[in-house]
């Protein structure tokens, strides 16, 4: 996952908070993927404008300077493999 890439949610999927699941989810015609809290925080940053580098910096700032780069890249790579982005 290139840090200058700008991830965008695929049109086949919808990202939203699901009260019944008490978590963020990715919806698609055949079902739903329940996301962990950290995965939901990453997906909240996927707006079609922010680069991977910007997403990493935003989340690092949100978590008091934590080194989140590898985790963000790993999740976004998996999301890309799943076709979500």
PDB file of N, CA and C in Angstrom:
ATOM      1  N   UNK A   1       0.859  -1.177   0.000  1.00  0.00           N
ATOM      2  CA  UNK A   1       0.000   0.000   0.000  1.00  0.00           C
ATOM      3  C   UNK A   1       0.899   1.231   0.000  1.00  0.00           C
ATOM      4  N   UNK A   2       0.858   1.964  -1.064  1.00  0.00           N
ATOM      5  CA  UNK A   2       1.639   3.185  -1.233  1.00  0.00           C
ATOM      6  C   UNK A   2       1.092   4.274  -0.308  1.00  0.00           C
ATOM      7  N   UNK A   3       1.957   4.948   0.435  1.00  0.00           N
ATOM      8  CA  UNK A   3       1.521   5.982   1.380  1.00  0.00           C
ATOM      9  C   UNK A   3       0.929   7.211   0.696  1.00  0.00           C
ATOM     10  N   UNK A   4       1.169   7.380  -0.588  1.00  0.00           N
ATOM     11  CA  UNK A   4       0.601   8.527  -1.306  1.00  0.00           C
ATOM     12  C   UNK A   4      -0.728   8.181  -1.986  1.00  0.00           C
ATOM     13  N   UNK A   5      -1.136   6.939  -1.894  1.00  0.00           N
ATOM     14  CA  UNK A   5      -2.412   6.512  -2.471  1.00  0.00           C
ATOM     15  C   UNK A   5      -3.566   7.153  -1.712  1.00  0.00           C
ATOM     16  N   UNK A   6      -4.629   7.458  -2.418  1.00  0.00           N
ATOM     17  CA  UNK A   6      -5.837   8.019  -1.815  1.00  0.00           C
ATOM     18  C   UNK A   6      -6.921   6.935  -1.869  1.00  0.00           C
ATOM     19  N   UNK A   7      -7.141   6.233  -0.755  1.00  0.00           N
ATOM     20  CA  UNK A   7      -8.149   5.175  -0.769  1.00  0.00           C
ATOM     21  C   UNK A   7      -9.568   5.747  -0.815  1.00  0.00           C
ATOM     22  N   UNK A   8     -10.418   5.044  -1.533  1.00  0.00           N
ATOM     23  CA  UNK A   8     -11.824   5.425  -1.683  1.00  0.00           C
ATOM     24  C   UNK A   8     -12.675   4.173  -1.507  1.00  0.00           C
ATOM     25  N   UNK A   9     -13.776   4.302  -0.808  1.00  0.00           N
ATOM     26  CA  UNK A   9     -14.682   3.181  -0.631  1.00  0.00           C
ATOM     27  C   UNK A   9     -15.288   2.792  -1.971  1.00  0.00           C
ATOM     28  N   UNK A  10     -15.254   1.509  -2.279  1.00  0.00           N
ATOM     29  CA  UNK A  10     -15.838   1.006  -3.514  1.00  0.00           C
ATOM     30  C   UNK A  10     -17.344   1.294  -3.528  1.00  0.00           C
ATOM     31  N   UNK A  11     -17.871   1.567  -4.694  1.00  0.00           N
ATOM     32  CA  UNK A  11     -19.303   1.875  -4.823  1.00  0.00           C
ATOM     33  C   UNK A  11     -20.194   0.686  -4.483  1.00  0.00           C
ATOM     34  N   UNK A  12     -19.638  -0.512  -4.457  1.00  0.00           N
ATOM     35  CA  UNK A  12     -20.420  -1.710  -4.129  1.00  0.00           C
ATOM     36  C   UNK A  12     -20.650  -1.857  -2.625  1.00  0.00           C
ATOM     37  N   UNK A  13     -19.969  -1.035  -1.824  1.00  0.00           N
ATOM     38  CA  UNK A  13     -20.026  -1.158  -0.376  1.00  0.00           C
ATOM     39  C   UNK A  13     -20.459   0.149   0.260  1.00  0.00           C
ATOM     40  N   UNK A  14     -20.983   0.029   1.484  1.00  0.00           N
ATOM     41  CA  UNK A  14     -21.350   1.214   2.263  1.00  0.00           C
ATOM     42  C   UNK A  14     -20.787   1.048   3.668  1.00  0.00           C
ATOM     43  N   UNK A  15     -20.146   2.085   4.158  1.00  0.00           N
ATOM     44  CA  UNK A  15     -19.574   2.099   5.499  1.00  0.00           C
ATOM     45  C   UNK A  15     -20.494   2.914   6.383  1.00  0.00           C
ATOM     46  N   UNK A  16     -20.857   2.364   7.538  1.00  0.00           N
ATOM     47  CA  UNK A  16     -21.733   3.111   8.440  1.00  0.00           C
ATOM     48  C   UNK A  16     -21.657   2.545   9.850  1.00  0.00           C
ATOM     49  N   UNK A  17     -22.151   3.353  10.795  1.00  0.00           N
ATOM     50  CA  UNK A  17     -22.316   2.890  12.177  1.00  0.00           C
ATOM     51  C   UNK A  17     -23.605   2.089  12.226  1.00  0.00           C
ATOM     52  N   UNK A  18     -23.552   0.924  12.822  1.00  0.00           N
ATOM     53  CA  UNK A  18     -24.728   0.063  12.952  1.00  0.00           C
ATOM     54  C   UNK A  18     -25.031  -0.086  14.438  1.00  0.00           C
ATOM     55  N   UNK A  19     -26.076   0.589  14.874  1.00  0.00           N
ATOM     56  CA  UNK A  19     -26.430   0.599  16.297  1.00  0.00           C
ATOM     57  C   UNK A  19     -26.667  -0.819  16.824  1.00  0.00           C
ATOM     58  N   UNK A  20     -27.362  -1.652  16.055  1.00  0.00           N
ATOM     59  CA  UNK A  20     -27.659  -3.014  16.502  1.00  0.00           C
ATOM     60  C   UNK A  20     -26.385  -3.829  16.739  1.00  0.00           C
ATOM     61  N   UNK A  21     -25.329  -3.534  15.994  1.00  0.00           N
ATOM     62  CA  UNK A  21     -24.046  -4.230  16.150  1.00  0.00           C
ATOM     63  C   UNK A  21     -23.114  -3.503  17.120  1.00  0.00           C
ATOM     64  N   UNK A  22     -23.469  -2.279  17.468  1.00  0.00           N
ATOM     65  CA  UNK A  22     -22.646  -1.418  18.309  1.00  0.00           C
ATOM     66  C   UNK A  22     -21.231  -1.285  17.738  1.00  0.00           C
ATOM     67  N   UNK A  23     -21.180  -1.152  16.409  1.00  0.00           N
ATOM     68  CA  UNK A  23     -19.883  -1.011  15.744  1.00  0.00           C
ATOM     69  C   UNK A  23     -20.084  -0.467  14.338  1.00  0.00           C
ATOM     70  N   UNK A  24     -18.973  -0.076  13.735  1.00  0.00           N
ATOM     71  CA  UNK A  24     -19.011   0.289  12.320  1.00  0.00           C
ATOM     72  C   UNK A  24     -19.048  -0.994  11.500  1.00  0.00           C
ATOM     73  N   UNK A  25     -19.715  -0.918  10.380  1.00  0.00           N
ATOM     74  CA  UNK A  25     -19.840  -2.075   9.495  1.00  0.00           C
ATOM     75  C   UNK A  25     -19.620  -1.646   8.053  1.00  0.00           C
ATOM     76  N   UNK A  26     -19.304  -2.615   7.235  1.00  0.00           N
ATOM     77  CA  UNK A  26     -19.288  -2.422   5.799  1.00  0.00           C
ATOM     78  C   UNK A  26     -20.417  -3.289   5.256  1.00  0.00           C
ATOM     79  N   UNK A  27     -21.356  -2.624   4.598  1.00  0.00           N
ATOM     80  CA  UNK A  27     -22.511  -3.322   4.037  1.00  0.00           C
ATOM     81  C   UNK A  27     -22.300  -3.578   2.558  1.00  0.00           C
ATOM     82  N   UNK A  28     -22.782  -4.709   2.097  1.00  0.00           N
ATOM     83  CA  UNK A  28     -22.757  -5.052   0.678  1.00  0.00           C
ATOM     84  C   UNK A  28     -24.005  -5.856   0.387  1.00  0.00           C
ATOM     85  N   UNK A  29     -24.380  -6.035  -0.876  1.00  0.00           N
ATOM     86  CA  UNK A  29     -25.666  -6.662  -1.199  1.00  0.00           C
ATOM     87  C   UNK A  29     -25.902  -8.019  -0.526  1.00  0.00           C
ATOM     88  N   UNK A  30     -24.865  -8.809  -0.339  1.00  0.00           N
ATOM     89  CA  UNK A  30     -25.037 -10.143   0.224  1.00  0.00           C
ATOM     90  C   UNK A  30     -24.883 -10.197   1.733  1.00  0.00           C
ATOM     91  N   UNK A  31     -24.529  -9.085   2.369  1.00  0.00           N
ATOM     92  CA  UNK A  31     -24.339  -9.143   3.804  1.00  0.00           C
ATOM     93  C   UNK A  31     -23.651  -7.946   4.405  1.00  0.00           C
ATOM     94  N   UNK A  32     -22.899  -8.237   5.482  1.00  0.00           N
ATOM     95  CA  UNK A  32     -22.292  -7.178   6.274  1.00  0.00           C
ATOM     96  C   UNK A  32     -21.006  -7.698   6.909  1.00  0.00           C
ATOM     97  N   UNK A  33     -20.040  -6.804   7.035  1.00  0.00           N
ATOM     98  CA  UNK A  33     -18.805  -7.104   7.750  1.00  0.00           C
ATOM     99  C   UNK A  33     -18.751  -6.187   8.963  1.00  0.00           C
ATOM    100  N   UNK A  34     -18.705  -6.776  10.139  1.00  0.00           N
ATOM    101  CA  UNK A  34     -18.583  -6.011  11.377  1.00  0.00           C
ATOM    102  C   UNK A  34     -17.109  -5.698  11.588  1.00  0.00           C
ATOM    103  N   UNK A  35     -16.792  -4.429  11.798  1.00  0.00           N
ATOM    104  CA  UNK A  35     -15.405  -4.000  11.963  1.00  0.00           C
ATOM    105  C   UNK A  35     -15.046  -3.826  13.434  1.00  0.00           C
ATOM    106  N   UNK A  36     -13.795  -4.085  13.734  1.00  0.00           N
ATOM    107  CA  UNK A  36     -13.298  -3.800  15.081  1.00  0.00           C
ATOM    108  C   UNK A  36     -13.277  -2.283  15.273  1.00  0.00           C
ATOM    109  N   UNK A  37     -13.091  -1.852  16.499  1.00  0.00           N
ATOM    110  CA  UNK A  37     -13.041  -0.417  16.775  1.00  0.00           C
ATOM    111  C   UNK A  37     -11.952   0.287  16.000  1.00  0.00           C
ATOM    112  N   UNK A  38     -10.756  -0.308  15.958  1.00  0.00           N
ATOM    113  CA  UNK A  38      -9.654   0.341  15.246  1.00  0.00           C
ATOM    114  C   UNK A  38      -9.887   0.333  13.742  1.00  0.00           C
ATOM    115  N   UNK A  39     -10.448  -0.746  13.209  1.00  0.00           N
ATOM    116  CA  UNK A  39     -10.756  -0.791  11.774  1.00  0.00           C
ATOM    117  C   UNK A  39     -11.794   0.264  11.421  1.00  0.00           C
ATOM    118  N   UNK A  40     -12.771   0.454  12.290  1.00  0.00           N
ATOM    119  CA  UNK A  40     -13.775   1.492  12.070  1.00  0.00           C
ATOM    120  C   UNK A  40     -13.154   2.879  12.064  1.00  0.00           C
ATOM    121  N   UNK A  41     -12.200   3.116  12.970  1.00  0.00           N
ATOM    122  CA  UNK A  41     -11.525   4.416  13.016  1.00  0.00           C
ATOM    123  C   UNK A  41     -10.735   4.660  11.732  1.00  0.00           C
ATOM    124  N   UNK A  42     -10.098   3.621  11.219  1.00  0.00           N
ATOM    125  CA  UNK A  42      -9.363   3.773   9.956  1.00  0.00           C
ATOM    126  C   UNK A  42     -10.335   4.080   8.829  1.00  0.00           C
ATOM    127  N   UNK A  43     -11.416   3.308   8.737  1.00  0.00           N
ATOM    128  CA  UNK A  43     -12.375   3.509   7.643  1.00  0.00           C
ATOM    129  C   UNK A  43     -13.047   4.867   7.709  1.00  0.00           C
ATOM    130  N   UNK A  44     -13.188   5.447   8.903  1.00  0.00           N
ATOM    131  CA  UNK A  44     -13.769   6.796   9.014  1.00  0.00           C
ATOM    132  C   UNK A  44     -12.906   7.815   8.288  1.00  0.00           C
ATOM    133  N   UNK A  45     -11.624   7.520   8.143  1.00  0.00           N
ATOM    134  CA  UNK A  45     -10.699   8.444   7.483  1.00  0.00           C
ATOM    135  C   UNK A  45     -10.673   8.272   5.964  1.00  0.00           C
ATOM    136  N   UNK A  46     -11.237   7.173   5.473  1.00  0.00           N
ATOM    137  CA  UNK A  46     -11.233   6.893   4.029  1.00  0.00           C
ATOM    138  C   UNK A  46     -12.344   7.729   3.389  1.00  0.00           C
ATOM    139  N   UNK A  47     -11.966   8.919   2.916  1.00  0.00           N
ATOM    140  CA  UNK A  47     -12.951   9.866   2.387  1.00  0.00           C
ATOM    141  C   UNK A  47     -12.742  10.210   0.910  1.00  0.00           C
ATOM    142  N   UNK A  48     -11.789   9.528   0.280  1.00  0.00           N
ATOM    143  CA  UNK A  48     -11.514   9.821  -1.126  1.00  0.00           C
ATOM    144  C   UNK A  48     -10.674  11.068  -1.327  1.00  0.00           C
ATOM    145  N   UNK A  49     -10.205  11.672  -0.235  1.00  0.00           N
ATOM    146  CA  UNK A  49      -9.383  12.882  -0.310  1.00  0.00           C
ATOM    147  C   UNK A  49      -8.040  12.703   0.405  1.00  0.00           C
ATOM    148  N   UNK A  50      -8.065  11.967   1.508  1.00  0.00           N
ATOM    149  CA  UNK A  50      -6.868  11.803   2.335  1.00  0.00           C
ATOM    150  C   UNK A  50      -5.972  10.694   1.794  1.00  0.00           C
ATOM    151  N   UNK A  51      -4.674  10.975   1.771  1.00  0.00           N
ATOM    152  CA  UNK A  51      -3.715   9.939   1.399  1.00  0.00           C
ATOM    153  C   UNK A  51      -3.538   8.979   2.574  1.00  0.00           C
ATOM    154  N   UNK A  52      -2.949   7.833   2.299  1.00  0.00           N
ATOM    155  CA  UNK A  52      -2.639   6.880   3.361  1.00  0.00           C
ATOM    156  C   UNK A  52      -1.758   7.555   4.408  1.00  0.00           C
ATOM    157  N   UNK A  53      -0.800   8.337   3.971  1.00  0.00           N
ATOM    158  CA  UNK A  53       0.088   9.057   4.879  1.00  0.00           C
ATOM    159  C   UNK A  53      -0.697   9.998   5.790  1.00  0.00           C
ATOM    160  N   UNK A  54      -1.671  10.703   5.232  1.00  0.00           N
ATOM    161  CA  UNK A  54      -2.509  11.614   6.018  1.00  0.00           C
ATOM    162  C   UNK A  54      -3.358  10.830   7.018  1.00  0.00           C
ATOM    163  N   UNK A  55      -3.899   9.708   6.588  1.00  0.00           N
ATOM    164  CA  UNK A  55      -4.699   8.868   7.486  1.00  0.00           C
ATOM    165  C   UNK A  55      -3.845   8.398   8.663  1.00  0.00           C
ATOM    166  N   UNK A  56      -2.632   7.951   8.374  1.00  0.00           N
ATOM    167  CA  UNK A  56      -1.727   7.515   9.435  1.00  0.00           C
ATOM    168  C   UNK A  56      -1.462   8.660  10.412  1.00  0.00           C
ATOM    169  N   UNK A  57      -1.170   9.849   9.904  1.00  0.00           N
ATOM    170  CA  UNK A  57      -0.881  10.988  10.771  1.00  0.00           C
ATOM    171  C   UNK A  57      -2.099  11.375  11.606  1.00  0.00           C
ATOM    172  N   UNK A  58      -3.272  11.393  11.005  1.00  0.00           N
ATOM    173  CA  UNK A  58      -4.501  11.734  11.727  1.00  0.00           C
ATOM    174  C   UNK A  58      -4.741  10.769  12.875  1.00  0.00           C
ATOM    175  N   UNK A  59      -4.586   9.473  12.598  1.00  0.00           N
ATOM    176  CA  UNK A  59      -4.823   8.479  13.644  1.00  0.00           C
ATOM    177  C   UNK A  59      -3.729   8.502  14.702  1.00  0.00           C
ATOM    178  N   UNK A  60      -2.506   8.760  14.299  1.00  0.00           N
ATOM    179  CA  UNK A  60      -1.422   8.895  15.271  1.00  0.00           C
ATOM    180  C   UNK A  60      -1.706  10.063  16.209  1.00  0.00           C
ATOM    181  N   UNK A  61      -2.160  11.176  15.660  1.00  0.00           N
ATOM    182  CA  UNK A  61      -2.521  12.337  16.480  1.00  0.00           C
ATOM    183  C   UNK A  61      -3.682  12.002  17.416  1.00  0.00           C
ATOM    184  N   UNK A  62      -4.662  11.265  16.901  1.00  0.00           N
ATOM    185  CA  UNK A  62      -5.841  10.884  17.688  1.00  0.00           C
ATOM    186  C   UNK A  62      -5.450  10.004  18.877  1.00  0.00           C
ATOM    187  N   UNK A  63      -4.431   9.175  18.675  1.00  0.00           N
ATOM    188  CA  UNK A  63      -3.984   8.249  19.720  1.00  0.00           C
ATOM    189  C   UNK A  63      -2.660   8.683  20.343  1.00  0.00           C
ATOM    190  N   UNK A  64      -2.529   9.975  20.599  1.00  0.00           N
ATOM    191  CA  UNK A  64      -1.404  10.550  21.354  1.00  0.00           C
ATOM    192  C   UNK A  64      -0.035  10.152  20.810  1.00  0.00           C
ATOM    193  N   UNK A  65       0.103  10.187  19.487  1.00  0.00           N
ATOM    194  CA  UNK A  65       1.400   9.942  18.875  1.00  0.00           C
ATOM    195  C   UNK A  65       1.765   8.475  18.700  1.00  0.00           C
ATOM    196  N   UNK A  66       0.804   7.598  18.880  1.00  0.00           N
ATOM    197  CA  UNK A  66       1.079   6.165  18.738  1.00  0.00           C
ATOM    198  C   UNK A  66       1.568   5.847  17.327  1.00  0.00           C
ATOM    199  N   UNK A  67       2.438   4.864  17.227  1.00  0.00           N
ATOM    200  CA  UNK A  67       2.967   4.421  15.934  1.00  0.00           C
ATOM    201  C   UNK A  67       1.956   3.452  15.315  1.00  0.00           C
ATOM    202  N   UNK A  68       1.062   3.986  14.500  1.00  0.00           N
ATOM    203  CA  UNK A  68      -0.029   3.198  13.921  1.00  0.00           C
ATOM    204  C   UNK A  68       0.205   2.869  12.447  1.00  0.00           C
ATOM    205  N   UNK A  69       1.309   3.329  11.884  1.00  0.00           N
ATOM    206  CA  UNK A  69       1.553   3.208  10.451  1.00  0.00           C
ATOM    207  C   UNK A  69       1.431   1.801   9.909  1.00  0.00           C
ATOM    208  N   UNK A  70       2.111   0.847  10.534  1.00  0.00           N
ATOM    209  CA  UNK A  70       2.076  -0.527  10.038  1.00  0.00           C
ATOM    210  C   UNK A  70       0.673  -1.119  10.110  1.00  0.00           C
ATOM    211  N   UNK A  71      -0.040  -0.827  11.200  1.00  0.00           N
ATOM    212  CA  UNK A  71      -1.401  -1.347  11.362  1.00  0.00           C
ATOM    213  C   UNK A  71      -2.356  -0.756  10.326  1.00  0.00           C
ATOM    214  N   UNK A  72      -2.226   0.537  10.074  1.00  0.00           N
ATOM    215  CA  UNK A  72      -3.088   1.189   9.082  1.00  0.00           C
ATOM    216  C   UNK A  72      -2.814   0.608   7.694  1.00  0.00           C
ATOM    217  N   UNK A  73      -1.558   0.480   7.355  1.00  0.00           N
ATOM    218  CA  UNK A  73      -1.203  -0.069   6.041  1.00  0.00           C
ATOM    219  C   UNK A  73      -1.679  -1.504   5.912  1.00  0.00           C
ATOM    220  N   UNK A  74      -1.524  -2.307   6.965  1.00  0.00           N
ATOM    221  CA  UNK A  74      -1.982  -3.701   6.922  1.00  0.00           C
ATOM    222  C   UNK A  74      -3.499  -3.767   6.727  1.00  0.00           C
ATOM    223  N   UNK A  75      -4.246  -2.946   7.472  1.00  0.00           N
ATOM    224  CA  UNK A  75      -5.700  -2.972   7.326  1.00  0.00           C
ATOM    225  C   UNK A  75      -6.129  -2.491   5.949  1.00  0.00           C
ATOM    226  N   UNK A  76      -5.564  -1.390   5.479  1.00  0.00           N
ATOM    227  CA  UNK A  76      -5.955  -0.872   4.166  1.00  0.00           C
ATOM    228  C   UNK A  76      -5.576  -1.845   3.047  1.00  0.00           C
ATOM    229  N   UNK A  77      -4.472  -2.556   3.213  1.00  0.00           N
ATOM    230  CA  UNK A  77      -4.100  -3.573   2.225  1.00  0.00           C
ATOM    231  C   UNK A  77      -5.128  -4.702   2.212  1.00  0.00           C
ATOM    232  N   UNK A  78      -5.582  -5.110   3.388  1.00  0.00           N
ATOM    233  CA  UNK A  78      -6.612  -6.153   3.474  1.00  0.00           C
ATOM    234  C   UNK A  78      -7.937  -5.648   2.895  1.00  0.00           C
ATOM    235  N   UNK A  79      -8.278  -4.399   3.213  1.00  0.00           N
ATOM    236  CA  UNK A  79      -9.507  -3.811   2.677  1.00  0.00           C
ATOM    237  C   UNK A  79      -9.455  -3.766   1.148  1.00  0.00           C
ATOM    238  N   UNK A  80      -8.285  -3.456   0.610  1.00  0.00           N
ATOM    239  CA  UNK A  80      -8.120  -3.425  -0.832  1.00  0.00           C
ATOM    240  C   UNK A  80      -8.250  -4.830  -1.418  1.00  0.00           C
ATOM    241  N   UNK A  81      -7.667  -5.817  -0.742  1.00  0.00           N
ATOM    242  CA  UNK A  81      -7.772  -7.215  -1.206  1.00  0.00           C
ATOM    243  C   UNK A  81      -9.218  -7.695  -1.200  1.00  0.00           C
ATOM    244  N   UNK A  82      -9.996  -7.216  -0.233  1.00  0.00           N
ATOM    245  CA  UNK A  82     -11.412  -7.593  -0.138  1.00  0.00           C
ATOM    246  C   UNK A  82     -12.294  -6.809  -1.095  1.00  0.00           C
ATOM    247  N   UNK A  83     -11.705  -5.804  -1.764  1.00  0.00           N
ATOM    248  CA  UNK A  83     -12.475  -5.001  -2.706  1.00  0.00           C
ATOM    249  C   UNK A  83     -13.253  -3.876  -2.081  1.00  0.00           C
ATOM    250  N   UNK A  84     -13.045  -3.643  -0.773  1.00  0.00           N
ATOM    251  CA  UNK A  84     -13.779  -2.581  -0.086  1.00  0.00           C
ATOM    252  C   UNK A  84     -13.318  -1.221  -0.547  1.00  0.00           C
ATOM    253  N   UNK A  85     -12.016  -1.100  -0.839  1.00  0.00           N
ATOM    254  CA  UNK A  85     -11.467   0.163  -1.321  1.00  0.00           C
ATOM    255  C   UNK A  85     -10.763  -0.079  -2.652  1.00  0.00           C
TER     256      UNK A  85
END
